[in-house]
Amino acid sequence: MSASSTVHAMAGYHFYRAYWTLDACLDEGHSLGYSYKCQYGTGNDGKKKWFLYLWY
């Protein structure tokens, strides 16, 4: 690779933040202006929550 080469990350969903409610996740995703998805799952603390992922 030359010094002028640039490495680009692949486009895809990237974790942004976790929320207790679906509405909070959807509101934040909508307000940020990105394509997004909210996915329900278990956090590192063992508690169920909504995870916001942004597409970029």
N, C-alpha and C. Protein backbone atom coordinates (compact mmCIF):
# COMPACT_ATOMS: atom_id res chain seq x y z
N MET A 1 0.84 -1.17 0.00
CA MET A 1 0.00 0.00 0.00
C MET A 1 0.89 1.25 0.00
N SER A 2 0.58 2.20 -0.83
CA SER A 2 1.38 3.42 -0.86
C SER A 2 0.95 4.38 0.23
N ALA A 3 1.76 5.40 0.47
CA ALA A 3 1.45 6.38 1.50
C ALA A 3 0.19 7.16 1.18
N SER A 4 -0.18 7.24 -0.10
CA SER A 4 -1.38 8.00 -0.48
C SER A 4 -2.64 7.15 -0.48
N SER A 5 -2.53 5.86 -0.19
CA SER A 5 -3.69 4.98 -0.17
C SER A 5 -4.57 5.28 1.04
N THR A 6 -5.85 5.15 0.85
CA THR A 6 -6.80 5.35 1.94
C THR A 6 -7.58 4.07 2.15
N VAL A 7 -7.72 3.66 3.40
CA VAL A 7 -8.49 2.47 3.73
C VAL A 7 -9.88 2.92 4.17
N HIS A 8 -10.91 2.38 3.55
CA HIS A 8 -12.29 2.72 3.88
C HIS A 8 -12.97 1.54 4.55
N ALA A 9 -13.72 1.82 5.59
CA ALA A 9 -14.50 0.77 6.25
C ALA A 9 -15.70 0.44 5.36
N MET A 10 -16.12 -0.78 5.41
CA MET A 10 -17.28 -1.19 4.65
C MET A 10 -18.53 -0.54 5.24
N ALA A 11 -19.44 -0.13 4.35
CA ALA A 11 -20.72 0.42 4.82
C ALA A 11 -21.51 -0.69 5.49
N GLY A 12 -22.23 -0.31 6.53
CA GLY A 12 -23.05 -1.28 7.23
C GLY A 12 -23.63 -0.66 8.49
N TYR A 13 -24.33 -1.48 9.27
CA TYR A 13 -24.90 -0.99 10.52
C TYR A 13 -23.84 -1.00 11.62
N HIS A 14 -23.78 0.09 12.36
CA HIS A 14 -22.82 0.24 13.46
C HIS A 14 -23.60 0.60 14.73
N PHE A 15 -23.26 -0.07 15.83
CA PHE A 15 -23.93 0.21 17.11
C PHE A 15 -23.74 1.67 17.49
N TYR A 16 -24.82 2.30 17.97
CA TYR A 16 -24.77 3.68 18.41
C TYR A 16 -25.02 3.80 19.91
N ARG A 17 -26.16 3.28 20.38
CA ARG A 17 -26.53 3.45 21.79
C ARG A 17 -27.64 2.45 22.15
N ALA A 18 -27.82 2.20 23.44
CA ALA A 18 -28.88 1.31 23.93
C ALA A 18 -29.96 2.14 24.64
N TYR A 19 -31.21 1.67 24.56
CA TYR A 19 -32.36 2.36 25.14
C TYR A 19 -33.25 1.36 25.86
N TRP A 20 -33.98 1.84 26.86
CA TRP A 20 -34.89 0.97 27.61
C TRP A 20 -36.18 0.72 26.86
N THR A 21 -36.61 1.67 26.01
CA THR A 21 -37.89 1.50 25.32
C THR A 21 -37.70 1.60 23.80
N LEU A 22 -38.57 0.93 23.07
CA LEU A 22 -38.54 0.99 21.62
C LEU A 22 -38.80 2.41 21.14
N ASP A 23 -39.75 3.10 21.75
CA ASP A 23 -40.06 4.48 21.33
C ASP A 23 -38.84 5.39 21.44
N ALA A 24 -38.07 5.27 22.51
CA ALA A 24 -36.88 6.09 22.68
C ALA A 24 -35.85 5.78 21.58
N CYS A 25 -35.70 4.51 21.27
CA CYS A 25 -34.77 4.08 20.23
C CYS A 25 -35.19 4.64 18.87
N LEU A 26 -36.46 4.50 18.54
CA LEU A 26 -36.98 4.99 17.26
C LEU A 26 -36.88 6.51 17.15
N ASP A 27 -37.22 7.20 18.22
CA ASP A 27 -37.15 8.67 18.22
C ASP A 27 -35.72 9.15 17.96
N GLU A 28 -34.76 8.56 18.65
CA GLU A 28 -33.36 8.96 18.47
C GLU A 28 -32.87 8.64 17.07
N GLY A 29 -33.19 7.44 16.59
CA GLY A 29 -32.79 7.06 15.23
C GLY A 29 -33.34 8.01 14.19
N HIS A 30 -34.60 8.37 14.32
CA HIS A 30 -35.24 9.29 13.38
C HIS A 30 -34.60 10.68 13.45
N SER A 31 -34.31 11.15 14.64
CA SER A 31 -33.77 12.50 14.81
C SER A 31 -32.34 12.65 14.28
N LEU A 32 -31.59 11.56 14.20
CA LEU A 32 -30.20 11.64 13.75
C LEU A 32 -30.07 11.78 12.23
N GLY A 33 -31.10 11.40 11.49
CA GLY A 33 -31.07 11.58 10.04
C GLY A 33 -30.34 10.50 9.26
N TYR A 34 -29.95 9.43 9.90
CA TYR A 34 -29.31 8.30 9.22
C TYR A 34 -30.36 7.22 8.95
N SER A 35 -30.01 6.27 8.08
CA SER A 35 -30.80 5.03 8.04
C SER A 35 -30.44 4.29 9.32
N TYR A 36 -31.43 3.66 9.94
CA TYR A 36 -31.18 3.03 11.24
C TYR A 36 -32.09 1.84 11.43
N LYS A 37 -31.78 1.06 12.47
CA LYS A 37 -32.67 -0.01 12.92
C LYS A 37 -32.53 -0.14 14.42
N CYS A 38 -33.59 -0.57 15.07
CA CYS A 38 -33.60 -0.85 16.50
C CYS A 38 -33.78 -2.35 16.68
N GLN A 39 -32.94 -2.94 17.48
CA GLN A 39 -32.97 -4.38 17.68
C GLN A 39 -33.03 -4.69 19.17
N TYR A 40 -33.93 -5.59 19.56
CA TYR A 40 -34.10 -5.95 20.96
C TYR A 40 -33.11 -7.05 21.32
N GLY A 41 -32.45 -6.90 22.46
CA GLY A 41 -31.50 -7.91 22.88
C GLY A 41 -31.08 -7.72 24.32
N THR A 42 -30.10 -8.49 24.72
CA THR A 42 -29.59 -8.45 26.09
C THR A 42 -28.26 -7.70 26.12
N GLY A 43 -28.15 -6.73 27.02
CA GLY A 43 -26.93 -5.95 27.16
C GLY A 43 -25.87 -6.68 27.96
N ASN A 44 -24.70 -6.07 28.05
CA ASN A 44 -23.59 -6.66 28.82
C ASN A 44 -23.94 -6.79 30.30
N ASP A 45 -24.92 -6.02 30.74
CA ASP A 45 -25.36 -6.07 32.14
C ASP A 45 -26.42 -7.15 32.38
N GLY A 46 -26.77 -7.90 31.33
CA GLY A 46 -27.75 -8.97 31.45
C GLY A 46 -29.19 -8.51 31.34
N LYS A 47 -29.42 -7.20 31.14
CA LYS A 47 -30.77 -6.65 31.05
C LYS A 47 -31.20 -6.49 29.60
N LYS A 48 -32.51 -6.71 29.36
CA LYS A 48 -33.07 -6.56 28.02
C LYS A 48 -33.22 -5.08 27.70
N LYS A 49 -32.87 -4.70 26.47
CA LYS A 49 -33.00 -3.31 26.03
C LYS A 49 -33.00 -3.25 24.51
N TRP A 50 -33.23 -2.06 23.99
CA TRP A 50 -33.26 -1.82 22.56
C TRP A 50 -31.93 -1.20 22.13
N PHE A 51 -31.34 -1.75 21.06
CA PHE A 51 -30.06 -1.27 20.55
C PHE A 51 -30.27 -0.55 19.24
N LEU A 52 -29.75 0.68 19.16
CA LEU A 52 -29.85 1.48 17.95
C LEU A 52 -28.60 1.28 17.11
N TYR A 53 -28.80 0.94 15.84
CA TYR A 53 -27.73 0.79 14.88
C TYR A 53 -27.94 1.79 13.75
N LEU A 54 -26.86 2.50 13.37
CA LEU A 54 -26.91 3.47 12.29
C LEU A 54 -26.18 2.91 11.08
N TRP A 55 -26.70 3.19 9.89
CA TRP A 55 -26.07 2.74 8.65
C TRP A 55 -25.13 3.83 8.14
N TYR A 56 -23.87 3.50 8.00
CA TYR A 56 -22.90 4.40 7.37
C TYR A 56 -21.69 3.62 6.90
